[in-house]
Amino acid sequence: MPVGSKYEPTGTKTWAPVFEKAETKLLNKYKDRDGVELDLLVVSDLHRHEEYGGPFWIKVPSAARVREVRLVIAEKCGILPGLQRMSYAGKQMDDAERKLEHYGIKYWNKQLHDWPLYIRRY
């Protein structure tokens, strides 16, 4: 990667301008819609807790797409979106264009708030 490239890492947790303030941008994008904001616990099976900062919480709208959630996770802990294979309540979230509502996350997050969103190996 060339020095001075806009994709060059600028800090310890910031990878690219695409990821900057991803959570705020996402919440602003969907704030006028009827969706609900979800607080999701994110846990990675790819790394030890000290490698990515341990389990953490993100706030995303229920109408957000999986690819948009991946950007928020990349901003928070530095796990690149291409490495993120996510699952929630046993459902693999492999289609990046589907919304969180399609996977039932809105319902299950309301019932069991502490269920984590896993970044899994396979």
N, C-alpha and C. Protein backbone atom coordinates (compact mmCIF):
# COMPACT_ATOMS: atom_id res chain seq x y z
N MET A 1 0.86 -1.18 0.00
CA MET A 1 0.00 0.00 0.00
C MET A 1 0.90 1.23 0.00
N PRO A 2 0.70 2.16 -0.93
CA PRO A 2 1.54 3.34 -1.00
C PRO A 2 1.38 4.24 0.21
N VAL A 3 2.46 4.84 0.63
CA VAL A 3 2.41 5.79 1.73
C VAL A 3 1.60 7.00 1.28
N GLY A 4 0.72 7.48 2.15
CA GLY A 4 -0.12 8.61 1.81
C GLY A 4 -1.41 8.22 1.13
N SER A 5 -1.60 6.94 0.90
CA SER A 5 -2.85 6.47 0.29
C SER A 5 -4.00 6.75 1.22
N LYS A 6 -5.17 7.02 0.67
CA LYS A 6 -6.32 7.31 1.53
C LYS A 6 -6.78 6.08 2.30
N TYR A 7 -6.29 4.89 1.94
CA TYR A 7 -6.65 3.67 2.66
C TYR A 7 -5.57 3.23 3.64
N GLU A 8 -4.55 4.04 3.81
CA GLU A 8 -3.49 3.72 4.76
C GLU A 8 -4.02 3.88 6.18
N PRO A 9 -3.76 2.92 7.07
CA PRO A 9 -4.20 3.06 8.46
C PRO A 9 -3.62 4.32 9.09
N THR A 10 -4.48 5.11 9.73
CA THR A 10 -4.03 6.37 10.32
C THR A 10 -3.88 6.28 11.83
N GLY A 11 -4.42 5.27 12.46
CA GLY A 11 -4.35 5.11 13.90
C GLY A 11 -4.41 3.65 14.26
N THR A 12 -4.56 3.37 15.53
CA THR A 12 -4.58 1.98 15.94
C THR A 12 -5.90 1.29 15.62
N LYS A 13 -7.01 2.01 15.64
CA LYS A 13 -8.32 1.40 15.40
C LYS A 13 -8.98 1.87 14.11
N THR A 14 -8.49 2.92 13.49
CA THR A 14 -9.12 3.45 12.28
C THR A 14 -8.42 2.86 11.07
N TRP A 15 -9.18 2.23 10.17
CA TRP A 15 -8.59 1.57 9.02
C TRP A 15 -8.69 2.39 7.75
N ALA A 16 -9.83 2.98 7.49
CA ALA A 16 -10.01 3.70 6.24
C ALA A 16 -11.08 4.76 6.43
N PRO A 17 -11.07 5.78 5.58
CA PRO A 17 -12.10 6.82 5.69
C PRO A 17 -13.52 6.27 5.57
N VAL A 18 -13.69 5.14 4.91
CA VAL A 18 -15.01 4.54 4.76
C VAL A 18 -15.61 4.20 6.12
N PHE A 19 -14.78 3.80 7.07
CA PHE A 19 -15.26 3.35 8.37
C PHE A 19 -15.47 4.49 9.37
N GLU A 20 -14.97 5.68 9.08
CA GLU A 20 -15.03 6.76 10.06
C GLU A 20 -16.48 7.14 10.38
N LYS A 21 -16.79 7.16 11.65
CA LYS A 21 -18.12 7.53 12.15
C LYS A 21 -19.23 6.72 11.50
N ALA A 22 -18.98 5.43 11.25
CA ALA A 22 -19.94 4.57 10.56
C ALA A 22 -21.23 4.43 11.37
N GLU A 23 -21.11 4.31 12.69
CA GLU A 23 -22.30 4.14 13.53
C GLU A 23 -23.20 5.38 13.48
N THR A 24 -22.61 6.56 13.59
CA THR A 24 -23.37 7.81 13.54
C THR A 24 -24.02 8.00 12.17
N LYS A 25 -23.27 7.73 11.11
CA LYS A 25 -23.82 7.86 9.76
C LYS A 25 -25.01 6.92 9.55
N LEU A 26 -24.87 5.71 10.05
CA LEU A 26 -25.93 4.72 9.89
C LEU A 26 -27.19 5.11 10.65
N LEU A 27 -27.04 5.59 11.88
CA LEU A 27 -28.20 6.02 12.67
C LEU A 27 -28.88 7.22 12.02
N ASN A 28 -28.11 8.15 11.48
CA ASN A 28 -28.68 9.32 10.80
C ASN A 28 -29.40 8.93 9.52
N LYS A 29 -28.88 7.93 8.81
CA LYS A 29 -29.47 7.49 7.55
C LYS A 29 -30.89 6.94 7.76
N TYR A 30 -31.11 6.22 8.85
CA TYR A 30 -32.38 5.55 9.08
C TYR A 30 -33.25 6.21 10.15
N LYS A 31 -32.89 7.39 10.62
CA LYS A 31 -33.63 7.99 11.74
C LYS A 31 -35.06 8.40 11.39
N ASP A 32 -35.34 8.70 10.12
CA ASP A 32 -36.68 9.13 9.73
C ASP A 32 -37.61 7.95 9.42
N ARG A 33 -37.09 6.75 9.40
CA ARG A 33 -37.91 5.58 9.10
C ARG A 33 -38.49 5.01 10.38
N ASP A 34 -39.40 4.09 10.26
CA ASP A 34 -40.10 3.53 11.42
C ASP A 34 -39.29 2.51 12.21
N GLY A 35 -38.08 2.24 11.80
CA GLY A 35 -37.28 1.21 12.46
C GLY A 35 -36.92 1.57 13.91
N VAL A 36 -36.53 0.55 14.62
CA VAL A 36 -36.14 0.67 16.02
C VAL A 36 -34.62 0.60 16.10
N GLU A 37 -34.04 1.37 17.01
CA GLU A 37 -32.59 1.26 17.24
C GLU A 37 -32.32 0.07 18.14
N LEU A 38 -31.39 -0.77 17.73
CA LEU A 38 -31.04 -1.97 18.47
C LEU A 38 -29.67 -1.81 19.10
N ASP A 39 -29.55 -2.22 20.35
CA ASP A 39 -28.25 -2.33 21.00
C ASP A 39 -27.83 -3.79 20.91
N LEU A 40 -26.73 -4.05 20.19
CA LEU A 40 -26.28 -5.42 19.97
C LEU A 40 -24.92 -5.64 20.62
N LEU A 41 -24.78 -6.73 21.31
CA LEU A 41 -23.50 -7.16 21.86
C LEU A 41 -22.77 -7.94 20.77
N VAL A 42 -21.54 -7.57 20.48
CA VAL A 42 -20.76 -8.23 19.43
C VAL A 42 -19.62 -9.01 20.09
N VAL A 43 -19.53 -10.30 19.74
CA VAL A 43 -18.49 -11.18 20.26
C VAL A 43 -17.80 -11.84 19.07
N SER A 44 -16.48 -11.90 19.07
CA SER A 44 -15.75 -12.51 17.96
C SER A 44 -15.20 -13.87 18.36
N ASP A 45 -15.46 -14.87 17.51
CA ASP A 45 -14.84 -16.19 17.68
C ASP A 45 -13.53 -16.28 16.90
N LEU A 46 -13.19 -15.22 16.17
CA LEU A 46 -11.96 -15.21 15.38
C LEU A 46 -10.72 -14.87 16.19
N HIS A 47 -10.90 -14.11 17.27
CA HIS A 47 -9.77 -13.56 18.00
C HIS A 47 -9.94 -13.78 19.50
N ARG A 48 -8.83 -13.65 20.21
CA ARG A 48 -8.91 -13.58 21.67
C ARG A 48 -9.42 -12.19 22.03
N HIS A 49 -10.03 -12.05 23.19
CA HIS A 49 -10.64 -10.78 23.57
C HIS A 49 -9.65 -9.62 23.57
N GLU A 50 -8.42 -9.86 23.98
CA GLU A 50 -7.46 -8.76 24.03
C GLU A 50 -7.01 -8.31 22.64
N GLU A 51 -7.23 -9.12 21.59
CA GLU A 51 -6.82 -8.74 20.24
C GLU A 51 -7.76 -7.71 19.61
N TYR A 52 -9.03 -7.75 19.96
CA TYR A 52 -9.97 -6.81 19.34
C TYR A 52 -10.69 -5.93 20.35
N GLY A 53 -10.30 -5.99 21.60
CA GLY A 53 -10.91 -5.14 22.61
C GLY A 53 -12.01 -5.82 23.40
N GLY A 54 -12.22 -7.09 23.16
CA GLY A 54 -13.24 -7.83 23.90
C GLY A 54 -14.65 -7.58 23.38
N PRO A 55 -15.63 -8.24 23.95
CA PRO A 55 -17.03 -8.01 23.54
C PRO A 55 -17.40 -6.54 23.71
N PHE A 56 -18.15 -6.00 22.77
CA PHE A 56 -18.53 -4.59 22.80
C PHE A 56 -19.95 -4.43 22.28
N TRP A 57 -20.54 -3.28 22.56
CA TRP A 57 -21.91 -2.97 22.15
C TRP A 57 -21.89 -2.01 20.98
N ILE A 58 -22.82 -2.23 20.04
CA ILE A 58 -23.04 -1.29 18.95
C ILE A 58 -24.52 -0.93 18.92
N LYS A 59 -24.82 0.25 18.40
CA LYS A 59 -26.20 0.70 18.25
C LYS A 59 -26.46 0.86 16.76
N VAL A 60 -27.42 0.07 16.26
CA VAL A 60 -27.76 0.09 14.83
C VAL A 60 -29.28 0.09 14.66
N PRO A 61 -29.78 0.65 13.57
CA PRO A 61 -31.22 0.59 13.31
C PRO A 61 -31.61 -0.81 12.83
N SER A 62 -32.85 -1.20 13.11
CA SER A 62 -33.31 -2.52 12.70
C SER A 62 -33.44 -2.64 11.19
N ALA A 63 -33.55 -1.52 10.49
CA ALA A 63 -33.67 -1.52 9.03
C ALA A 63 -32.32 -1.54 8.32
N ALA A 64 -31.22 -1.58 9.07
CA ALA A 64 -29.89 -1.56 8.47
C ALA A 64 -29.59 -2.88 7.77
N ARG A 65 -28.79 -2.79 6.75
CA ARG A 65 -28.36 -3.98 6.03
C ARG A 65 -27.13 -4.59 6.70
N VAL A 66 -26.90 -5.86 6.45
CA VAL A 66 -25.77 -6.58 7.06
C VAL A 66 -24.46 -5.91 6.68
N ARG A 67 -24.31 -5.47 5.44
CA ARG A 67 -23.06 -4.83 5.02
C ARG A 67 -22.80 -3.54 5.78
N GLU A 68 -23.86 -2.83 6.16
CA GLU A 68 -23.70 -1.59 6.92
C GLU A 68 -23.29 -1.89 8.36
N VAL A 69 -23.81 -2.97 8.91
CA VAL A 69 -23.42 -3.38 10.27
C VAL A 69 -21.96 -3.80 10.28
N ARG A 70 -21.51 -4.44 9.22
CA ARG A 70 -20.09 -4.82 9.13
C ARG A 70 -19.17 -3.61 9.17
N LEU A 71 -19.58 -2.50 8.56
CA LEU A 71 -18.77 -1.28 8.61
C LEU A 71 -18.69 -0.72 10.02
N VAL A 72 -19.80 -0.78 10.76
CA VAL A 72 -19.81 -0.30 12.15
C VAL A 72 -18.86 -1.16 13.00
N ILE A 73 -18.90 -2.46 12.80
CA ILE A 73 -18.02 -3.36 13.56
C ILE A 73 -16.56 -3.10 13.19
N ALA A 74 -16.28 -2.86 11.91
CA ALA A 74 -14.91 -2.57 11.48
C ALA A 74 -14.39 -1.30 12.14
N GLU A 75 -15.26 -0.31 12.28
CA GLU A 75 -14.84 0.94 12.93
C GLU A 75 -14.55 0.72 14.41
N LYS A 76 -15.39 -0.08 15.08
CA LYS A 76 -15.26 -0.27 16.53
C LYS A 76 -14.02 -1.07 16.91
N CYS A 77 -13.74 -2.16 16.16
CA CYS A 77 -12.68 -3.06 16.63
C CYS A 77 -11.61 -3.38 15.61
N GLY A 78 -11.78 -2.96 14.36
CA GLY A 78 -10.74 -3.17 13.37
C GLY A 78 -10.82 -4.49 12.62
N ILE A 79 -11.86 -5.29 12.82
CA ILE A 79 -12.03 -6.53 12.06
C ILE A 79 -12.60 -6.13 10.70
N LEU A 80 -11.87 -6.37 9.65
CA LEU A 80 -12.28 -5.94 8.31
C LEU A 80 -13.58 -6.62 7.89
N PRO A 81 -14.44 -5.91 7.15
CA PRO A 81 -15.74 -6.47 6.75
C PRO A 81 -15.65 -7.78 5.98
N GLY A 82 -14.61 -7.96 5.18
CA GLY A 82 -14.45 -9.20 4.42
C GLY A 82 -14.18 -10.41 5.28
N LEU A 83 -13.73 -10.21 6.51
CA LEU A 83 -13.44 -11.32 7.42
C LEU A 83 -14.60 -11.63 8.35
N GLN A 84 -15.63 -10.83 8.30
CA GLN A 84 -16.75 -10.98 9.23
C GLN A 84 -17.81 -11.91 8.66
N ARG A 85 -17.98 -13.07 9.28
CA ARG A 85 -19.10 -13.96 8.98
C ARG A 85 -19.93 -13.96 10.24
N MET A 86 -21.11 -13.41 10.17
CA MET A 86 -21.90 -13.15 11.38
C MET A 86 -23.05 -14.13 11.53
N SER A 87 -23.43 -14.34 12.80
CA SER A 87 -24.62 -15.13 13.11
C SER A 87 -25.27 -14.54 14.36
N TYR A 88 -26.59 -14.70 14.42
CA TYR A 88 -27.36 -14.20 15.56
C TYR A 88 -28.47 -15.20 15.82
N ALA A 89 -28.58 -15.66 17.05
CA ALA A 89 -29.61 -16.62 17.46
C ALA A 89 -29.57 -17.86 16.58
N GLY A 90 -28.37 -18.29 16.19
CA GLY A 90 -28.21 -19.50 15.39
C GLY A 90 -28.42 -19.32 13.90
N LYS A 91 -28.76 -18.12 13.45
CA LYS A 91 -28.97 -17.86 12.02
C LYS A 91 -27.72 -17.23 11.43
N GLN A 92 -27.22 -17.83 10.35
CA GLN A 92 -26.05 -17.27 9.68
C GLN A 92 -26.49 -16.11 8.80
N MET A 93 -25.83 -15.00 8.95
CA MET A 93 -26.17 -13.79 8.21
C MET A 93 -25.21 -13.63 7.04
N ASP A 94 -25.37 -14.49 6.02
CA ASP A 94 -24.43 -14.52 4.91
C ASP A 94 -24.79 -13.57 3.78
N ASP A 95 -26.05 -13.17 3.67
CA ASP A 95 -26.47 -12.28 2.59
C ASP A 95 -26.30 -10.83 3.05
N ALA A 96 -25.32 -10.14 2.49
CA ALA A 96 -24.98 -8.78 2.93
C ALA A 96 -26.04 -7.75 2.58
N GLU A 97 -26.92 -8.06 1.65
CA GLU A 97 -27.95 -7.10 1.23
C GLU A 97 -29.24 -7.21 2.03
N ARG A 98 -29.39 -8.26 2.83
CA ARG A 98 -30.60 -8.40 3.63
C ARG A 98 -30.53 -7.49 4.85
N LYS A 99 -31.70 -7.11 5.31
CA LYS A 99 -31.78 -6.24 6.49
C LYS A 99 -31.80 -7.09 7.75
N LEU A 100 -31.47 -6.47 8.87
CA LEU A 100 -31.49 -7.18 10.15
C LEU A 100 -32.89 -7.70 10.47
N GLU A 101 -33.92 -6.98 10.03
CA GLU A 101 -35.30 -7.41 10.26
C GLU A 101 -35.60 -8.75 9.59
N HIS A 102 -34.96 -9.02 8.46
CA HIS A 102 -35.18 -10.29 7.76
C HIS A 102 -34.69 -11.48 8.57
N TYR A 103 -33.70 -11.26 9.40
CA TYR A 103 -33.16 -12.33 10.23
C TYR A 103 -33.85 -12.42 11.59
N GLY A 104 -34.83 -11.59 11.85
CA GLY A 104 -35.57 -11.64 13.11
C GLY A 104 -34.83 -11.02 14.28
N ILE A 105 -33.83 -10.22 14.03
CA ILE A 105 -33.03 -9.65 15.11
C ILE A 105 -33.84 -8.65 15.93
N LYS A 106 -34.73 -7.93 15.30
CA LYS A 106 -35.57 -6.97 16.02
C LYS A 106 -36.40 -7.68 17.09
N TYR A 107 -37.01 -8.81 16.71
CA TYR A 107 -37.84 -9.57 17.66
C TYR A 107 -37.00 -10.17 18.78
N TRP A 108 -35.93 -10.87 18.42
CA TRP A 108 -35.13 -11.55 19.43
C TRP A 108 -34.37 -10.58 20.33
N ASN A 109 -33.96 -9.45 19.80
CA ASN A 109 -33.27 -8.46 20.62
C ASN A 109 -34.21 -7.88 21.67
N LYS A 110 -35.47 -7.76 21.32
CA LYS A 110 -36.46 -7.26 22.28
C LYS A 110 -36.72 -8.29 23.38
N GLN A 111 -36.76 -9.58 23.01
CA GLN A 111 -37.03 -10.65 23.98
C GLN A 111 -35.81 -10.94 24.87
N LEU A 112 -34.67 -11.09 24.25
CA LEU A 112 -33.43 -11.47 24.96
C LEU A 112 -32.33 -10.49 24.57
N HIS A 113 -32.28 -9.39 25.30
CA HIS A 113 -31.42 -8.26 24.96
C HIS A 113 -29.93 -8.61 24.96
N ASP A 114 -29.51 -9.58 25.75
CA ASP A 114 -28.08 -9.87 25.90
C ASP A 114 -27.56 -10.95 24.95
N TRP A 115 -28.39 -11.43 24.04
CA TRP A 115 -27.89 -12.40 23.05
C TRP A 115 -26.87 -11.71 22.17
N PRO A 116 -25.70 -12.33 21.98
CA PRO A 116 -24.67 -11.65 21.18
C PRO A 116 -24.80 -11.90 19.68
N LEU A 117 -24.27 -10.99 18.93
CA LEU A 117 -24.05 -11.14 17.49
C LEU A 117 -22.64 -11.69 17.38
N TYR A 118 -22.51 -12.90 16.85
CA TYR A 118 -21.20 -13.56 16.78
C TYR A 118 -20.53 -13.29 15.45
N ILE A 119 -19.25 -13.01 15.50
CA ILE A 119 -18.40 -13.03 14.32
C ILE A 119 -17.73 -14.39 14.39
N ARG A 120 -18.08 -15.25 13.46
CA ARG A 120 -17.68 -16.66 13.57
C ARG A 120 -16.59 -17.02 12.57
N ARG A 121 -16.02 -18.18 12.79
CA ARG A 121 -14.93 -18.66 11.95
C ARG A 121 -15.41 -19.17 10.59
N TYR A 122 -16.45 -20.01 10.57
CA TYR A 122 -16.89 -20.64 9.33
C TYR A 122 -18.32 -20.26 9.05
